[in-house]
Amino acid sequence: MLEMGEWAPKAHEEVGKEVLRNKIDYLITVGYYGKNIANGAIQDGMPQEKVVHYHTNDEVTGFLDRFLRAGDCILVKASRGMKMETISEYLKGEK
């Protein structure tokens, strides 16, 4: 979605709205357009305390290190341009 140009902010906001509709418990976003995802979820009614936004993948993995508990289920959705495979690798214990 990074390549969407002028459509990117609205498209990312729509993703945030789907988070709440799909009963996701917490939303963690990263990067420039990630803020649009967070805003979309909050605007659609997701409690603000269940939404966190970071600027870098390293900030996300630091948060996850403190936040995750055994049995948690995580969905990582991102553009390859965001290099979020580093988060997936962290979650698999490869980092």
N, C-alpha and C. Protein backbone atom coordinates (compact mmCIF):
# COMPACT_ATOMS: atom_id res chain seq x y z
N MET A 1 0.82 -1.20 0.00
CA MET A 1 0.00 0.00 0.00
C MET A 1 0.86 1.26 0.00
N LEU A 2 2.16 1.10 0.24
CA LEU A 2 3.04 2.26 0.19
C LEU A 2 3.03 2.93 -1.18
N GLU A 3 2.80 2.14 -2.20
CA GLU A 3 2.87 2.62 -3.57
C GLU A 3 1.57 3.25 -4.06
N MET A 4 0.62 3.47 -3.20
CA MET A 4 -0.70 3.94 -3.61
C MET A 4 -0.79 5.44 -3.85
N GLY A 5 0.26 6.15 -3.52
CA GLY A 5 0.25 7.59 -3.76
C GLY A 5 -0.81 8.29 -2.93
N GLU A 6 -1.60 9.12 -3.60
CA GLU A 6 -2.59 9.94 -2.90
C GLU A 6 -3.68 9.12 -2.20
N TRP A 7 -3.85 7.87 -2.60
CA TRP A 7 -4.86 7.01 -2.00
C TRP A 7 -4.38 6.38 -0.68
N ALA A 8 -3.10 6.41 -0.43
CA ALA A 8 -2.52 5.70 0.71
C ALA A 8 -3.11 6.10 2.07
N PRO A 9 -3.23 7.38 2.40
CA PRO A 9 -3.75 7.70 3.74
C PRO A 9 -5.15 7.12 3.99
N LYS A 10 -6.05 7.29 3.04
CA LYS A 10 -7.43 6.80 3.20
C LYS A 10 -7.46 5.27 3.22
N ALA A 11 -6.66 4.62 2.38
CA ALA A 11 -6.64 3.16 2.35
C ALA A 11 -6.13 2.60 3.68
N HIS A 12 -5.11 3.22 4.25
CA HIS A 12 -4.60 2.78 5.54
C HIS A 12 -5.63 3.01 6.65
N GLU A 13 -6.34 4.11 6.58
CA GLU A 13 -7.40 4.38 7.56
C GLU A 13 -8.48 3.30 7.50
N GLU A 14 -8.82 2.87 6.30
CA GLU A 14 -9.83 1.81 6.13
C GLU A 14 -9.35 0.50 6.74
N VAL A 15 -8.07 0.20 6.64
CA VAL A 15 -7.52 -1.00 7.28
C VAL A 15 -7.75 -0.91 8.79
N GLY A 16 -7.53 0.26 9.36
CA GLY A 16 -7.75 0.45 10.80
C GLY A 16 -9.19 0.19 11.20
N LYS A 17 -10.11 0.60 10.36
CA LYS A 17 -11.53 0.35 10.66
C LYS A 17 -11.85 -1.14 10.64
N GLU A 18 -11.20 -1.87 9.77
CA GLU A 18 -11.41 -3.32 9.70
C GLU A 18 -10.86 -4.04 10.93
N VAL A 19 -9.86 -3.47 11.56
CA VAL A 19 -9.29 -4.07 12.78
C VAL A 19 -10.38 -4.23 13.83
N LEU A 20 -11.12 -3.19 14.08
CA LEU A 20 -12.19 -3.25 15.08
C LEU A 20 -13.31 -4.18 14.62
N ARG A 21 -13.68 -4.09 13.38
CA ARG A 21 -14.77 -4.93 12.85
C ARG A 21 -14.44 -6.42 12.95
N ASN A 22 -13.16 -6.73 12.94
CA ASN A 22 -12.73 -8.13 13.02
C ASN A 22 -12.32 -8.56 14.41
N LYS A 23 -12.70 -7.74 15.39
CA LYS A 23 -12.54 -8.07 16.81
C LYS A 23 -11.09 -8.33 17.22
N ILE A 24 -10.18 -7.54 16.67
CA ILE A 24 -8.78 -7.60 17.07
C ILE A 24 -8.66 -6.91 18.43
N ASP A 25 -7.95 -7.52 19.36
CA ASP A 25 -7.86 -6.97 20.72
C ASP A 25 -6.95 -5.76 20.84
N TYR A 26 -5.81 -5.79 20.18
CA TYR A 26 -4.84 -4.70 20.25
C TYR A 26 -4.31 -4.41 18.85
N LEU A 27 -3.96 -3.16 18.61
CA LEU A 27 -3.40 -2.77 17.33
C LEU A 27 -2.07 -2.06 17.57
N ILE A 28 -1.03 -2.56 16.92
CA ILE A 28 0.29 -1.95 16.99
C ILE A 28 0.65 -1.55 15.57
N THR A 29 0.88 -0.28 15.35
CA THR A 29 1.23 0.19 14.02
C THR A 29 2.63 0.79 14.02
N VAL A 30 3.20 0.86 12.82
CA VAL A 30 4.56 1.39 12.69
C VAL A 30 4.65 2.19 11.39
N GLY A 31 5.43 3.24 11.43
CA GLY A 31 5.73 4.01 10.22
C GLY A 31 4.74 5.12 9.93
N TYR A 32 5.06 5.81 8.84
CA TYR A 32 4.33 7.01 8.46
C TYR A 32 2.83 6.74 8.27
N TYR A 33 2.48 5.78 7.44
CA TYR A 33 1.07 5.49 7.19
C TYR A 33 0.43 4.65 8.29
N GLY A 34 1.24 4.04 9.13
CA GLY A 34 0.70 3.30 10.26
C GLY A 34 -0.17 4.17 11.15
N LYS A 35 0.17 5.43 11.23
CA LYS A 35 -0.62 6.37 12.04
C LYS A 35 -2.04 6.46 11.49
N ASN A 36 -2.19 6.37 10.16
CA ASN A 36 -3.52 6.39 9.56
C ASN A 36 -4.33 5.15 9.96
N ILE A 37 -3.65 4.01 10.04
CA ILE A 37 -4.32 2.79 10.48
C ILE A 37 -4.81 2.96 11.91
N ALA A 38 -3.94 3.46 12.77
CA ALA A 38 -4.31 3.69 14.17
C ALA A 38 -5.49 4.66 14.27
N ASN A 39 -5.43 5.74 13.53
CA ASN A 39 -6.52 6.72 13.57
C ASN A 39 -7.83 6.13 13.09
N GLY A 40 -7.79 5.32 12.03
CA GLY A 40 -9.01 4.69 11.53
C GLY A 40 -9.65 3.79 12.57
N ALA A 41 -8.82 3.02 13.28
CA ALA A 41 -9.35 2.13 14.31
C ALA A 41 -9.98 2.94 15.45
N ILE A 42 -9.30 3.98 15.88
CA ILE A 42 -9.82 4.81 16.98
C ILE A 42 -11.09 5.53 16.55
N GLN A 43 -11.11 6.07 15.35
CA GLN A 43 -12.30 6.76 14.84
C GLN A 43 -13.50 5.82 14.76
N ASP A 44 -13.24 4.54 14.51
CA ASP A 44 -14.32 3.56 14.39
C ASP A 44 -14.74 2.99 15.75
N GLY A 45 -14.05 3.41 16.83
CA GLY A 45 -14.48 3.01 18.16
C GLY A 45 -13.54 2.14 18.95
N MET A 46 -12.37 1.82 18.41
CA MET A 46 -11.42 1.01 19.17
C MET A 46 -10.89 1.88 20.31
N PRO A 47 -10.85 1.34 21.53
CA PRO A 47 -10.34 2.12 22.66
C PRO A 47 -8.89 2.57 22.42
N GLN A 48 -8.62 3.83 22.66
CA GLN A 48 -7.31 4.40 22.39
C GLN A 48 -6.20 3.70 23.17
N GLU A 49 -6.52 3.18 24.35
CA GLU A 49 -5.51 2.49 25.15
C GLU A 49 -5.13 1.13 24.57
N LYS A 50 -5.85 0.68 23.55
CA LYS A 50 -5.53 -0.60 22.90
C LYS A 50 -4.86 -0.39 21.55
N VAL A 51 -4.46 0.84 21.28
CA VAL A 51 -3.80 1.19 20.02
C VAL A 51 -2.48 1.87 20.35
N VAL A 52 -1.38 1.34 19.80
CA VAL A 52 -0.08 1.97 19.98
C VAL A 52 0.59 2.14 18.62
N HIS A 53 1.34 3.21 18.49
CA HIS A 53 2.01 3.52 17.23
C HIS A 53 3.48 3.79 17.49
N TYR A 54 4.33 3.24 16.62
CA TYR A 54 5.77 3.46 16.71
C TYR A 54 6.31 3.91 15.36
N HIS A 55 7.49 4.49 15.38
CA HIS A 55 8.12 4.98 14.16
C HIS A 55 9.05 3.95 13.53
N THR A 56 9.56 3.00 14.34
CA THR A 56 10.51 2.03 13.81
C THR A 56 10.14 0.60 14.23
N ASN A 57 10.64 -0.36 13.46
CA ASN A 57 10.44 -1.77 13.78
C ASN A 57 11.12 -2.14 15.09
N ASP A 58 12.27 -1.54 15.36
CA ASP A 58 12.97 -1.81 16.63
C ASP A 58 12.13 -1.38 17.83
N GLU A 59 11.42 -0.27 17.70
CA GLU A 59 10.53 0.16 18.78
C GLU A 59 9.41 -0.86 18.99
N VAL A 60 8.91 -1.41 17.89
CA VAL A 60 7.84 -2.41 17.99
C VAL A 60 8.35 -3.66 18.70
N THR A 61 9.51 -4.17 18.29
CA THR A 61 10.01 -5.39 18.93
C THR A 61 10.32 -5.16 20.40
N GLY A 62 10.78 -3.97 20.76
CA GLY A 62 11.00 -3.65 22.17
C GLY A 62 9.70 -3.69 22.95
N PHE A 63 8.64 -3.13 22.36
CA PHE A 63 7.32 -3.17 22.98
C PHE A 63 6.82 -4.61 23.11
N LEU A 64 6.94 -5.38 22.03
CA LEU A 64 6.47 -6.77 22.06
C LEU A 64 7.20 -7.59 23.12
N ASP A 65 8.46 -7.29 23.31
CA ASP A 65 9.25 -7.99 24.32
C ASP A 65 8.63 -7.84 25.71
N ARG A 66 8.05 -6.70 25.97
CA ARG A 66 7.41 -6.44 27.27
C ARG A 66 5.94 -6.83 27.29
N PHE A 67 5.29 -6.84 26.14
CA PHE A 67 3.83 -6.96 26.05
C PHE A 67 3.33 -8.39 25.86
N LEU A 68 4.01 -9.17 25.03
CA LEU A 68 3.51 -10.50 24.66
C LEU A 68 3.51 -11.48 25.81
N ARG A 69 2.52 -12.35 25.80
CA ARG A 69 2.39 -13.44 26.77
C ARG A 69 2.24 -14.75 26.01
N ALA A 70 2.57 -15.84 26.64
CA ALA A 70 2.42 -17.16 26.02
C ALA A 70 0.98 -17.34 25.55
N GLY A 71 0.82 -17.86 24.34
CA GLY A 71 -0.50 -18.12 23.79
C GLY A 71 -1.08 -16.98 22.97
N ASP A 72 -0.42 -15.81 22.95
CA ASP A 72 -0.92 -14.69 22.16
C ASP A 72 -0.82 -15.03 20.67
N CYS A 73 -1.76 -14.53 19.91
CA CYS A 73 -1.78 -14.71 18.46
C CYS A 73 -1.50 -13.35 17.82
N ILE A 74 -0.54 -13.31 16.91
CA ILE A 74 -0.10 -12.06 16.31
C ILE A 74 -0.28 -12.13 14.79
N LEU A 75 -0.84 -11.07 14.20
CA LEU A 75 -0.93 -10.92 12.76
C LEU A 75 -0.02 -9.76 12.38
N VAL A 76 0.93 -10.02 11.49
CA VAL A 76 1.81 -8.97 10.99
C VAL A 76 1.39 -8.71 9.55
N LYS A 77 0.93 -7.49 9.29
CA LYS A 77 0.51 -7.11 7.93
C LYS A 77 1.30 -5.88 7.56
N ALA A 78 2.01 -5.95 6.44
CA ALA A 78 2.77 -4.78 6.02
C ALA A 78 3.26 -4.92 4.60
N SER A 79 3.68 -3.81 4.07
CA SER A 79 4.34 -3.76 2.78
C SER A 79 5.77 -4.25 2.95
N ARG A 80 6.30 -4.89 1.92
CA ARG A 80 7.71 -5.30 1.96
C ARG A 80 8.62 -4.09 2.14
N GLY A 81 8.16 -2.95 1.66
CA GLY A 81 8.94 -1.73 1.79
C GLY A 81 9.18 -1.32 3.23
N MET A 82 8.36 -1.80 4.15
CA MET A 82 8.51 -1.48 5.57
C MET A 82 9.48 -2.42 6.27
N LYS A 83 9.92 -3.45 5.57
CA LYS A 83 10.87 -4.44 6.12
C LYS A 83 10.37 -5.05 7.45
N MET A 84 9.08 -5.28 7.52
CA MET A 84 8.51 -5.82 8.75
C MET A 84 8.78 -7.30 8.94
N GLU A 85 9.49 -7.90 7.97
CA GLU A 85 9.92 -9.27 8.21
C GLU A 85 10.84 -9.32 9.43
N THR A 86 11.45 -8.19 9.77
CA THR A 86 12.27 -8.16 10.99
C THR A 86 11.42 -8.42 12.23
N ILE A 87 10.18 -7.98 12.20
CA ILE A 87 9.26 -8.25 13.32
C ILE A 87 8.86 -9.72 13.31
N SER A 88 8.54 -10.26 12.14
CA SER A 88 8.20 -11.68 12.04
C SER A 88 9.36 -12.55 12.50
N GLU A 89 10.59 -12.19 12.08
CA GLU A 89 11.77 -12.94 12.49
C GLU A 89 11.95 -12.87 14.01
N TYR A 90 11.71 -11.70 14.58
CA TYR A 90 11.79 -11.55 16.04
C TYR A 90 10.79 -12.48 16.72
N LEU A 91 9.56 -12.49 16.20
CA LEU A 91 8.51 -13.32 16.81
C LEU A 91 8.82 -14.81 16.71
N LYS A 92 9.54 -15.22 15.65
CA LYS A 92 9.93 -16.62 15.48
C LYS A 92 11.21 -16.93 16.23
N GLY A 93 11.81 -15.93 16.87
CA GLY A 93 13.04 -16.15 17.61
C GLY A 93 14.28 -16.17 16.75
N GLU A 94 14.19 -15.61 15.55
CA GLU A 94 15.32 -15.63 14.63
C GLU A 94 16.22 -14.42 14.76
N LYS A 95 15.88 -13.48 15.57
CA LYS A 95 16.68 -12.26 15.68
C LYS A 95 17.56 -12.29 16.90
